[in-house]
């Protein structure tokens, strides 16, 4: 369908926040890397200085495998309703 008229505030995506506090007003909290946390907070945390992950693979904060590892169960009930994978 065709849209008649013009999008309002078309330049809204060009606005830079300018400081951390302005994005906090919008309710966004800072993203903290797991490698800078303590070992009690994240599997990647701890170590002396800027240490590597120190495990066989990257993990989520809850200890599940991250980055490419499939985490879906093999015999999930809704598998029967999936005709083909999204590609």
N, C-alpha and C. Protein backbone atom coordinates (compact mmCIF):
# COMPACT_ATOMS: atom_id res chain seq x y z
N UNK A 1 0.83 -1.18 0.00
CA UNK A 1 0.00 0.00 0.00
C UNK A 1 0.87 1.24 0.00
N UNK A 2 0.39 2.26 -0.65
CA UNK A 2 1.12 3.52 -0.69
C UNK A 2 0.72 4.38 0.50
N UNK A 3 1.67 5.13 0.99
CA UNK A 3 1.42 6.03 2.11
C UNK A 3 1.41 7.45 1.58
N UNK A 4 0.40 8.19 1.93
CA UNK A 4 0.29 9.58 1.49
C UNK A 4 0.84 10.45 2.60
N UNK A 5 1.69 11.40 2.24
CA UNK A 5 2.22 12.33 3.22
C UNK A 5 3.70 12.09 3.47
N UNK A 6 4.16 12.53 4.63
CA UNK A 6 5.58 12.50 4.94
C UNK A 6 5.76 12.00 6.37
N UNK A 7 6.85 11.28 6.60
CA UNK A 7 7.14 10.78 7.94
C UNK A 7 7.51 11.96 8.82
N UNK A 8 6.92 12.01 10.02
CA UNK A 8 7.26 13.10 10.92
C UNK A 8 8.56 12.80 11.63
N UNK A 9 9.30 13.82 11.96
CA UNK A 9 10.57 13.72 12.68
C UNK A 9 11.51 12.72 12.01
N UNK A 10 11.74 12.94 10.73
CA UNK A 10 12.53 12.01 9.93
C UNK A 10 13.99 11.95 10.39
N UNK A 11 14.50 12.98 11.05
CA UNK A 11 15.90 13.03 11.46
C UNK A 11 16.11 12.54 12.89
N UNK A 12 15.14 11.87 13.47
CA UNK A 12 15.25 11.44 14.86
C UNK A 12 16.39 10.46 15.07
N UNK A 13 16.67 9.61 14.05
CA UNK A 13 17.72 8.62 14.19
C UNK A 13 19.12 9.23 14.11
N UNK A 14 19.23 10.48 13.72
CA UNK A 14 20.53 11.14 13.62
C UNK A 14 20.98 11.76 14.95
N UNK A 15 20.09 11.83 15.93
CA UNK A 15 20.40 12.48 17.20
C UNK A 15 21.33 11.59 18.02
N UNK A 16 22.46 12.16 18.47
CA UNK A 16 23.37 11.43 19.35
C UNK A 16 23.05 11.79 20.79
N UNK A 17 23.16 10.82 21.69
CA UNK A 17 22.79 11.08 23.08
C UNK A 17 23.73 12.08 23.73
N UNK A 18 25.03 12.01 23.44
CA UNK A 18 25.96 12.99 23.95
C UNK A 18 26.59 12.61 25.27
N UNK A 19 25.86 11.91 26.13
CA UNK A 19 26.43 11.50 27.42
C UNK A 19 25.68 10.28 27.91
N UNK A 20 26.28 9.60 28.86
CA UNK A 20 25.70 8.34 29.34
C UNK A 20 24.37 8.58 30.05
N UNK A 21 24.25 9.70 30.75
CA UNK A 21 23.04 9.95 31.54
C UNK A 21 21.80 10.11 30.69
N UNK A 22 21.97 10.60 29.48
CA UNK A 22 20.80 10.84 28.64
C UNK A 22 20.15 9.53 28.20
N UNK A 23 20.97 8.50 27.97
CA UNK A 23 20.39 7.20 27.65
C UNK A 23 19.85 6.52 28.91
N UNK A 24 20.40 6.86 30.07
CA UNK A 24 19.85 6.31 31.32
C UNK A 24 18.44 6.86 31.57
N UNK A 25 18.18 8.09 31.16
CA UNK A 25 16.84 8.65 31.31
C UNK A 25 15.82 7.85 30.51
N UNK A 26 16.28 7.21 29.43
CA UNK A 26 15.40 6.40 28.60
C UNK A 26 15.23 4.99 29.16
N UNK A 27 15.89 4.69 30.28
CA UNK A 27 15.74 3.40 30.92
C UNK A 27 16.74 2.36 30.48
N UNK A 28 17.76 2.74 29.70
CA UNK A 28 18.77 1.78 29.24
C UNK A 28 19.92 1.75 30.23
N UNK A 29 20.27 0.57 30.71
CA UNK A 29 21.37 0.42 31.64
C UNK A 29 22.64 0.05 30.88
N UNK A 30 23.82 0.35 31.44
CA UNK A 30 25.06 0.06 30.72
C UNK A 30 25.29 -1.44 30.57
N UNK A 31 25.95 -1.82 29.47
CA UNK A 31 26.28 -3.21 29.20
C UNK A 31 27.65 -3.50 29.79
N UNK A 32 27.73 -4.45 30.70
CA UNK A 32 28.99 -4.79 31.37
C UNK A 32 29.47 -6.13 30.84
N UNK A 33 30.73 -6.19 30.42
CA UNK A 33 31.30 -7.43 29.89
C UNK A 33 31.52 -8.43 31.02
N UNK A 34 31.36 -9.71 30.71
CA UNK A 34 31.56 -10.75 31.70
C UNK A 34 32.99 -10.85 32.16
N UNK A 35 33.93 -10.48 31.29
CA UNK A 35 35.35 -10.62 31.64
C UNK A 35 35.80 -9.62 32.70
N UNK A 36 35.02 -8.56 32.91
CA UNK A 36 35.40 -7.58 33.93
C UNK A 36 34.67 -7.81 35.25
N UNK A 37 33.85 -8.87 35.31
CA UNK A 37 33.12 -9.17 36.54
C UNK A 37 33.96 -10.09 37.43
N UNK A 38 33.44 -10.33 38.61
CA UNK A 38 34.07 -11.29 39.51
C UNK A 38 33.61 -12.70 39.15
N UNK A 39 34.39 -13.72 39.55
CA UNK A 39 33.99 -15.08 39.19
C UNK A 39 32.65 -15.51 39.78
N UNK A 40 32.21 -14.86 40.85
CA UNK A 40 30.90 -15.22 41.42
C UNK A 40 29.76 -14.66 40.57
N UNK A 41 30.06 -13.68 39.71
CA UNK A 41 29.02 -13.04 38.90
C UNK A 41 28.93 -13.59 37.48
N UNK A 42 30.04 -14.12 36.94
CA UNK A 42 30.05 -14.57 35.55
C UNK A 42 31.14 -15.62 35.38
N UNK A 43 30.92 -16.64 34.53
CA UNK A 43 31.96 -17.65 34.29
C UNK A 43 33.24 -17.10 33.70
N UNK A 44 33.17 -15.96 32.99
CA UNK A 44 34.37 -15.37 32.39
C UNK A 44 35.11 -14.45 33.36
N UNK A 45 34.57 -14.22 34.53
CA UNK A 45 35.13 -13.25 35.45
C UNK A 45 36.35 -13.76 36.19
N UNK A 46 37.03 -12.83 36.85
CA UNK A 46 38.19 -13.17 37.67
C UNK A 46 39.47 -13.24 36.86
N UNK A 47 40.53 -13.68 37.53
CA UNK A 47 41.84 -13.79 36.87
C UNK A 47 42.68 -12.56 37.14
N UNK A 48 43.95 -12.65 36.82
CA UNK A 48 44.88 -11.54 37.01
C UNK A 48 44.95 -10.72 35.73
N UNK A 49 44.68 -9.44 35.82
CA UNK A 49 44.76 -8.56 34.66
C UNK A 49 43.68 -8.90 33.65
N UNK A 50 44.02 -8.71 32.37
CA UNK A 50 43.06 -8.99 31.31
C UNK A 50 43.22 -10.45 30.89
N UNK A 51 42.61 -11.32 31.62
CA UNK A 51 42.79 -12.75 31.41
C UNK A 51 41.85 -13.24 30.30
N UNK A 52 42.22 -14.32 29.60
CA UNK A 52 41.31 -14.91 28.62
C UNK A 52 40.15 -15.61 29.32
N UNK A 53 39.27 -16.19 28.53
CA UNK A 53 38.08 -16.83 29.09
C UNK A 53 38.48 -17.96 30.04
N UNK A 54 39.47 -18.76 29.65
CA UNK A 54 39.98 -19.80 30.53
C UNK A 54 39.13 -21.05 30.55
N UNK A 55 38.23 -21.22 29.58
CA UNK A 55 37.40 -22.41 29.49
C UNK A 55 37.41 -22.90 28.06
N UNK A 56 36.80 -24.05 27.83
CA UNK A 56 36.83 -24.61 26.48
C UNK A 56 36.00 -23.80 25.50
N UNK A 57 34.93 -23.15 25.98
CA UNK A 57 34.08 -22.35 25.09
C UNK A 57 33.48 -21.20 25.88
N UNK A 58 33.02 -20.13 25.20
CA UNK A 58 32.35 -19.03 25.90
C UNK A 58 31.04 -19.51 26.52
N UNK A 59 30.71 -18.93 27.67
CA UNK A 59 29.49 -19.31 28.37
C UNK A 59 28.64 -18.08 28.67
N UNK A 60 27.35 -18.31 28.87
CA UNK A 60 26.46 -17.24 29.29
C UNK A 60 26.67 -17.00 30.78
N UNK A 61 26.09 -15.95 31.34
CA UNK A 61 26.22 -15.73 32.79
C UNK A 61 25.67 -16.88 33.63
N UNK A 62 24.83 -17.73 33.04
CA UNK A 62 24.22 -18.84 33.78
C UNK A 62 24.93 -20.16 33.51
N UNK A 63 26.07 -20.10 32.80
CA UNK A 63 26.87 -21.29 32.59
C UNK A 63 26.48 -22.12 31.39
N UNK A 64 25.52 -21.67 30.58
CA UNK A 64 25.13 -22.41 29.38
C UNK A 64 26.08 -22.03 28.24
N UNK A 65 26.32 -22.92 27.28
CA UNK A 65 27.20 -22.60 26.15
C UNK A 65 26.63 -21.44 25.32
N UNK A 66 27.52 -20.56 24.88
CA UNK A 66 27.12 -19.41 24.07
C UNK A 66 27.80 -19.48 22.71
N UNK A 67 27.40 -18.60 21.81
CA UNK A 67 28.01 -18.43 20.49
C UNK A 67 27.96 -19.69 19.64
N UNK A 68 26.78 -20.01 19.12
CA UNK A 68 26.66 -21.06 18.13
C UNK A 68 26.20 -22.41 18.64
N UNK A 69 26.26 -22.65 19.93
CA UNK A 69 25.83 -23.94 20.46
C UNK A 69 24.31 -23.96 20.52
N UNK A 70 23.71 -25.03 19.96
CA UNK A 70 22.25 -25.15 20.00
C UNK A 70 21.82 -25.57 21.40
N UNK A 71 20.82 -24.90 21.94
CA UNK A 71 20.39 -25.16 23.30
C UNK A 71 18.95 -25.69 23.36
N UNK A 72 18.34 -25.94 22.20
CA UNK A 72 16.98 -26.47 22.17
C UNK A 72 17.00 -27.96 22.45
N UNK A 73 15.97 -28.46 23.17
CA UNK A 73 15.88 -29.89 23.47
C UNK A 73 15.61 -30.70 22.20
N UNK A 74 16.11 -31.93 22.17
CA UNK A 74 15.95 -32.78 20.99
C UNK A 74 14.51 -33.23 20.79
N UNK A 75 13.79 -33.52 21.86
CA UNK A 75 12.45 -34.08 21.76
C UNK A 75 11.40 -33.11 22.29
N UNK A 76 11.46 -31.86 21.84
CA UNK A 76 10.49 -30.88 22.28
C UNK A 76 9.14 -31.16 21.60
N UNK A 77 8.04 -30.96 22.33
CA UNK A 77 6.73 -31.32 21.81
C UNK A 77 6.36 -30.53 20.56
N UNK A 78 6.78 -29.27 20.50
CA UNK A 78 6.39 -28.44 19.37
C UNK A 78 7.20 -28.73 18.11
N UNK A 79 8.13 -29.71 18.15
CA UNK A 79 8.89 -30.07 16.95
C UNK A 79 7.98 -30.59 15.84
N UNK A 80 6.86 -31.20 16.22
CA UNK A 80 5.96 -31.75 15.21
C UNK A 80 5.31 -30.65 14.38
N UNK A 81 5.23 -29.44 14.94
CA UNK A 81 4.57 -28.34 14.21
C UNK A 81 5.53 -27.57 13.33
N UNK A 82 6.82 -27.83 13.44
CA UNK A 82 7.80 -27.13 12.61
C UNK A 82 7.97 -27.90 11.31
N UNK A 83 7.57 -27.31 10.20
CA UNK A 83 7.64 -28.00 8.91
C UNK A 83 9.03 -27.91 8.33
N UNK A 84 9.65 -26.71 8.35
CA UNK A 84 11.03 -26.58 7.89
C UNK A 84 11.69 -25.42 8.61
N UNK A 85 13.02 -25.49 8.67
CA UNK A 85 13.78 -24.48 9.38
C UNK A 85 13.74 -23.15 8.65
N UNK A 86 13.83 -22.07 9.42
CA UNK A 86 13.97 -20.75 8.83
C UNK A 86 15.35 -20.63 8.24
N UNK A 87 15.49 -20.00 7.09
CA UNK A 87 16.84 -19.86 6.52
C UNK A 87 17.07 -18.44 6.06
